[in-house]
Amino acid sequence: MSDKIGFIDESGDKSIHFTKDGVSTFFIVTAIILDEYSVDKTREQFVETAAKHTRAPEIKSSAKAFKDFDKRIDFIKDISKLNFKIYSIIVDKREVFEDSGLQFRNIFYKYVNGLLDRELYDYYPYLKLISDNHGSEKFMDGFVNYVEKNHKQTELFRGPKFEFCDSKDEPLIQLADFIAGSLSRCYDPKKINPRSSEILKILDKHILHLREWPENPRNKYSNIELEDEKFNKELVDFIFFRIKNFIHINAENPAIEIKNQLICLNYLVYRFKKDPHQYIYSDEIIDRIRVRNIHITKRIFSKEVIGNLRENKILITSSQSGYKIPCCRGDIIRFYNNYSSKVIPMIETLKKTDIVIKSATSGKINLLEEIEFDYIKRLTDIKK
């Protein structure tokens, strides 16, 4: 497995007084992940790309040059040509403080440290992290302590590696800063722009996961008309209850199969939040699993990932357009139709085969009368 390096920076502040002017509503931690062998090349490409957009010695998302949304979008389009992956934790301070009643700073640090630890190392067992040493040090110190306390070096986990670096000296931390700041334009109501959706669309192929915390069902369908034919709240609430329960139970499970299922599930949730009506092709989900250097075929994915999630009573529908978390009656109908188009012809084939075999053997071979095929016989009887 190739070594990976993650460059981390933040957007927003940790203040709980988010209603005040100048205080962010969201706090976002973003890790830009690269193969170790590609770091120098990607750094060089980023510097060359940045020079085409600004003369500033350091790229900052908050810079005056990028307050012009057109210029921000143009820069994102250019850096999207580089080879990197994005993992972000996106914290809505309104939900953490107002609804949960938690002491924000302590619980926030502990929980987000745990999310970073579990999910980054689920993707990348060999991961070195480099963080900006201005503003991030308290957060990263907590993360370093958390990982060292909760991980033991093994054959598959060599132990965490951390460094702090001034962002002025490391362009790839500047890239992390710019991505985190751009994501804030998609979430923070104080920063959202009519063209914010373009940011996620451009960066889509780079995104491993955008982990929102707390998981608030209200955010998942706030912009959707709640008619039953388009969106069934009762159905969605049940599915997300099952998803949260599955993730909680299996968060510490080291089994490769479980980690593959969690990566799949997290990606389906992320795509659901973007558009609850869109299907995702299996190749797109498998690509997220393969970043762990795990080879998985479509057949194995269908059986061991999707199949096992369904066995755990997590509803994942499929059609010729791919997979998705269902959000309405129509999704279930399409799912049933998809299986019916496969199952019913199979039953018809069994019926015809049974007739041919009985005719050819004068009834001496009549498998559907045997007890082990009783269920199939009842199905073929229904189709008479």
Foldseek 3Di string as FASTA:
>chain_A
DFAKEWEKDKDFAQDLVCVDPPHFQKIKMKIKMDGPVCQVVLQVQLVVLVVVQDPDLFAALPDPSCVPVVSLLVSLLSSLVGDIAMEMEMERSCCVCVVPVDPRPVVVLVVVLLVCQLQVCLLPLRYEYEYEPPNCVVSVVSSLVVQVVPDDDDPSHNGYHYYYDHSSVGRVSSVNNNLNSLVSCVPTPVRDDPCSLSSCVSNVLRYQAHHYPPPDVCLLDVPPDDDQAGFPPVLVVVLVVLVVVLCVVCSPPPDLLSSLQNSLSRVLSRVSSSPVVAADAPVSSVVSSCSSVDDDDPVCCVCSHVVVSVVSVRDWAAAPRHIHRHGHPVRVVRRVVRVCVVVVVVLVVVVVVQVVVCVVVVNPDRPCVDPVNVVSVVVNVVVD
